Amino acid sequence: MVTAALVLAALAAAVHVFIFYLESVAWTGPRARAVFGTSESEAHATRGLAFNQGFYNLFLAIAVVAGIVLVAVGHTVAGATSVFVGAGSMAAAALVLVLSDRAHAGSALKQGALPAAAVVLLAAGLAL
């Protein structure tokens, strides 16, 4: 069960690296504007905010990947803690997104389902 949790956590990290790319690198481009539903002028006006937000997503992904590596080399407590913090924050951010605006439920599901499942499976796997 721990292995399944770590696989889901790795997938969640990959999603958040992609979100980082969209927000911090490609924010004003057509792909990011289509994903986030922004006009060209809105994208330019919010570029700085999106850049910063993208790095939050990247740092959460890094925490998850570091945790996976730590678990893999036998440092289970430290690694699991890092995965719980990173993936738990991803899931919590998705919850905040949907609670702030139900129109973003689809986006919240895409960003939050994998890390939430990883947290549940990791907790269950470690409890066994």
C-alpha atoms as a PDB file:
ATOM      1  CA  MET A   1       0.000   0.000   0.000  1.00  0.00           C
ATOM      2  CA  VAL A   2       2.914   2.346   0.710  1.00  0.00           C
ATOM      3  CA  THR A   3       4.252   1.734  -2.796  1.00  0.00           C
ATOM      4  CA  ALA A   4       0.868   2.588  -4.331  1.00  0.00           C
ATOM      5  CA  ALA A   5       0.752   5.752  -2.224  1.00  0.00           C
ATOM      6  CA  LEU A   6       4.194   6.799  -3.423  1.00  0.00           C
ATOM      7  CA  VAL A   7       3.260   6.176  -7.054  1.00  0.00           C
ATOM      8  CA  LEU A   8       0.161   8.364  -6.643  1.00  0.00           C
ATOM      9  CA  ALA A   9       2.264  10.989  -4.872  1.00  0.00           C
ATOM     10  CA  ALA A  10       4.753  10.955  -7.768  1.00  0.00           C
ATOM     11  CA  LEU A  11       1.916  11.450 -10.244  1.00  0.00           C
ATOM     12  CA  ALA A  12       0.590  14.320  -8.123  1.00  0.00           C
ATOM     13  CA  ALA A  13       4.064  15.865  -8.141  1.00  0.00           C
ATOM     14  CA  ALA A  14       4.182  15.582 -11.941  1.00  0.00           C
ATOM     15  CA  VAL A  15       0.807  17.342 -12.210  1.00  0.00           C
ATOM     16  CA  HIS A  16       2.092  20.132  -9.986  1.00  0.00           C
ATOM     17  CA  VAL A  17       5.272  20.506 -12.030  1.00  0.00           C
ATOM     18  CA  PHE A  18       3.042  20.930 -15.092  1.00  0.00           C
ATOM     19  CA  ILE A  19       0.987  23.523 -13.205  1.00  0.00           C
ATOM     20  CA  PHE A  20       4.262  25.283 -12.344  1.00  0.00           C
ATOM     21  CA  TYR A  21       5.127  25.344 -16.034  1.00  0.00           C
ATOM     22  CA  LEU A  22       1.752  26.793 -16.975  1.00  0.00           C
ATOM     23  CA  GLU A  23       1.792  29.444 -14.248  1.00  0.00           C
ATOM     24  CA  SER A  24       5.446  30.461 -14.154  1.00  0.00           C
ATOM     25  CA  VAL A  25       6.694  29.853 -17.681  1.00  0.00           C
ATOM     26  CA  ALA A  26       3.774  29.841 -20.115  1.00  0.00           C
ATOM     27  CA  TRP A  27       1.227  32.022 -18.291  1.00  0.00           C
ATOM     28  CA  THR A  28       0.648  34.522 -21.093  1.00  0.00           C
ATOM     29  CA  GLY A  29       0.687  31.907 -23.861  1.00  0.00           C
ATOM     30  CA  PRO A  30      -2.420  30.465 -25.493  1.00  0.00           C
ATOM     31  CA  ARG A  31      -2.217  27.063 -23.753  1.00  0.00           C
ATOM     32  CA  ALA A  32      -2.109  28.482 -20.216  1.00  0.00           C
ATOM     33  CA  ARG A  33      -4.765  31.063 -21.028  1.00  0.00           C
ATOM     34  CA  ALA A  34      -7.030  28.295 -22.317  1.00  0.00           C
ATOM     35  CA  VAL A  35      -6.442  26.123 -19.240  1.00  0.00           C
ATOM     36  CA  PHE A  36      -7.079  28.962 -16.796  1.00  0.00           C
ATOM     37  CA  GLY A  37      -9.698  30.776 -18.847  1.00  0.00           C
ATOM     38  CA  THR A  38      -7.919  34.119 -18.952  1.00  0.00           C
ATOM     39  CA  SER A  39      -7.775  36.696 -21.678  1.00  0.00           C
ATOM     40  CA  GLU A  40      -4.468  37.999 -22.951  1.00  0.00           C
ATOM     41  CA  SER A  41      -4.875  41.229 -20.978  1.00  0.00           C
ATOM     42  CA  GLU A  42      -5.830  39.336 -17.782  1.00  0.00           C
ATOM     43  CA  ALA A  43      -2.809  37.079 -18.197  1.00  0.00           C
ATOM     44  CA  HIS A  44      -0.473  40.043 -18.547  1.00  0.00           C
ATOM     45  CA  ALA A  45      -2.055  41.801 -15.560  1.00  0.00           C
ATOM     46  CA  THR A  46      -1.716  38.740 -13.330  1.00  0.00           C
ATOM     47  CA  ARG A  47       1.641  37.501 -14.596  1.00  0.00           C
ATOM     48  CA  GLY A  48       3.522  38.271 -11.366  1.00  0.00           C
ATOM     49  CA  LEU A  49       0.932  36.570  -9.183  1.00  0.00           C
ATOM     50  CA  ALA A  50       0.850  33.488 -11.398  1.00  0.00           C
ATOM     51  CA  PHE A  51       4.657  33.335 -11.465  1.00  0.00           C
ATOM     52  CA  ASN A  52       4.742  33.240  -7.663  1.00  0.00           C
ATOM     53  CA  GLN A  53       1.887  30.727  -7.440  1.00  0.00           C
ATOM     54  CA  GLY A  54       3.637  28.446  -9.898  1.00  0.00           C
ATOM     55  CA  PHE A  55       6.657  28.256  -7.649  1.00  0.00           C
ATOM     56  CA  TYR A  56       4.456  27.222  -4.732  1.00  0.00           C
ATOM     57  CA  ASN A  57       3.316  24.298  -6.859  1.00  0.00           C
ATOM     58  CA  LEU A  58       6.897  23.448  -7.805  1.00  0.00           C
ATOM     59  CA  PHE A  59       8.056  23.513  -4.182  1.00  0.00           C
ATOM     60  CA  LEU A  60       5.230  21.179  -3.135  1.00  0.00           C
ATOM     61  CA  ALA A  61       6.252  18.796  -5.912  1.00  0.00           C
ATOM     62  CA  ILE A  62       9.868  18.937  -4.754  1.00  0.00           C
ATOM     63  CA  ALA A  63       8.807  18.116  -1.182  1.00  0.00           C
ATOM     64  CA  VAL A  64       6.878  15.090  -2.428  1.00  0.00           C
ATOM     65  CA  VAL A  65       9.744  13.845  -4.610  1.00  0.00           C
ATOM     66  CA  ALA A  66      12.240  14.332  -1.775  1.00  0.00           C
ATOM     67  CA  GLY A  67       9.958  12.330   0.487  1.00  0.00           C
ATOM     68  CA  ILE A  68       9.662   9.525  -2.035  1.00  0.00           C
ATOM     69  CA  VAL A  69      13.450   9.359  -2.337  1.00  0.00           C
ATOM     70  CA  LEU A  70      13.852   9.329   1.440  1.00  0.00           C
ATOM     71  CA  VAL A  71      11.387   6.464   1.797  1.00  0.00           C
ATOM     72  CA  ALA A  72      13.139   4.586  -1.005  1.00  0.00           C
ATOM     73  CA  VAL A  73      16.510   4.795   0.767  1.00  0.00           C
ATOM     74  CA  GLY A  74      15.070   3.670   4.096  1.00  0.00           C
ATOM     75  CA  HIS A  75      14.339   6.932   5.892  1.00  0.00           C
ATOM     76  CA  THR A  76      10.641   6.133   6.178  1.00  0.00           C
ATOM     77  CA  VAL A  77       9.660   8.602   8.909  1.00  0.00           C
ATOM     78  CA  ALA A  78      11.356  11.615   7.329  1.00  0.00           C
ATOM     79  CA  GLY A  79      10.212  10.612   3.839  1.00  0.00           C
ATOM     80  CA  ALA A  80       6.615   9.981   4.833  1.00  0.00           C
ATOM     81  CA  THR A  81       6.561  13.297   6.681  1.00  0.00           C
ATOM     82  CA  SER A  82       7.708  15.110   3.557  1.00  0.00           C
ATOM     83  CA  VAL A  83       5.139  13.311   1.394  1.00  0.00           C
ATOM     84  CA  PHE A  84       2.390  14.073   3.919  1.00  0.00           C
ATOM     85  CA  VAL A  85       3.323  17.769   4.006  1.00  0.00           C
ATOM     86  CA  GLY A  86       3.658  18.140   0.227  1.00  0.00           C
ATOM     87  CA  ALA A  87       0.729  15.993  -0.890  1.00  0.00           C
ATOM     88  CA  GLY A  88      -1.428  17.120   2.025  1.00  0.00           C
ATOM     89  CA  SER A  89      -0.835  20.747   1.055  1.00  0.00           C
ATOM     90  CA  MET A  90      -1.727  19.939  -2.552  1.00  0.00           C
ATOM     91  CA  ALA A  91      -4.994  18.329  -1.440  1.00  0.00           C
ATOM     92  CA  ALA A  92      -5.759  21.176   0.967  1.00  0.00           C
ATOM     93  CA  ALA A  93      -5.143  23.760  -1.773  1.00  0.00           C
ATOM     94  CA  ALA A  94      -7.589  21.906  -4.014  1.00  0.00           C
ATOM     95  CA  LEU A  95     -10.160  21.998  -1.230  1.00  0.00           C
ATOM     96  CA  VAL A  96      -9.646  25.744  -0.800  1.00  0.00           C
ATOM     97  CA  LEU A  97     -10.052  26.189  -4.559  1.00  0.00           C
ATOM     98  CA  VAL A  98     -13.408  24.414  -4.708  1.00  0.00           C
ATOM     99  CA  LEU A  99     -14.684  26.056  -1.523  1.00  0.00           C
ATOM    100  CA  SER A 100     -13.786  29.502  -2.842  1.00  0.00           C
ATOM    101  CA  ASP A 101     -15.614  29.000  -6.146  1.00  0.00           C
ATOM    102  CA  ARG A 102     -17.635  25.927  -7.088  1.00  0.00           C
ATOM    103  CA  ALA A 103     -17.006  26.734 -10.756  1.00  0.00           C
ATOM    104  CA  HIS A 104     -13.460  25.455 -10.178  1.00  0.00           C
ATOM    105  CA  ALA A 105     -14.575  22.018  -8.980  1.00  0.00           C
ATOM    106  CA  GLY A 106     -13.127  20.311 -12.061  1.00  0.00           C
ATOM    107  CA  SER A 107      -9.751  21.981 -11.610  1.00  0.00           C
ATOM    108  CA  ALA A 108      -9.774  21.181  -7.909  1.00  0.00           C
ATOM    109  CA  LEU A 109     -10.475  17.540  -8.661  1.00  0.00           C
ATOM    110  CA  LYS A 110      -7.605  17.408 -11.178  1.00  0.00           C
ATOM    111  CA  GLN A 111      -5.149  18.988  -8.758  1.00  0.00           C
ATOM    112  CA  GLY A 112      -6.357  17.353  -5.564  1.00  0.00           C
ATOM    113  CA  ALA A 113      -7.519  13.782  -6.190  1.00  0.00           C
ATOM    114  CA  LEU A 114      -4.092  12.179  -6.620  1.00  0.00           C
ATOM    115  CA  PRO A 115      -2.459  13.791  -3.587  1.00  0.00           C
ATOM    116  CA  ALA A 116      -5.512  13.117  -1.406  1.00  0.00           C
ATOM    117  CA  ALA A 117      -5.489   9.459  -2.412  1.00  0.00           C
ATOM    118  CA  ALA A 118      -1.734   9.311  -1.783  1.00  0.00           C
ATOM    119  CA  VAL A 119      -2.161  10.713   1.735  1.00  0.00           C
ATOM    120  CA  VAL A 120      -4.920   8.236   2.586  1.00  0.00           C
ATOM    121  CA  LEU A 121      -3.030   5.247   1.189  1.00  0.00           C
ATOM    122  CA  LEU A 122       0.224   6.287   2.834  1.00  0.00           C
ATOM    123  CA  ALA A 123      -1.446   6.692   6.218  1.00  0.00           C
ATOM    124  CA  ALA A 124      -3.168   3.319   5.839  1.00  0.00           C
ATOM    125  CA  GLY A 125       0.020   1.639   4.631  1.00  0.00           C
ATOM    126  CA  LEU A 126       2.094   2.948   7.497  1.00  0.00           C
ATOM    127  CA  ALA A 127      -0.559   1.978  10.046  1.00  0.00           C
ATOM    128  CA  LEU A 128      -0.423  -1.673   8.976  1.00  0.00           C
END
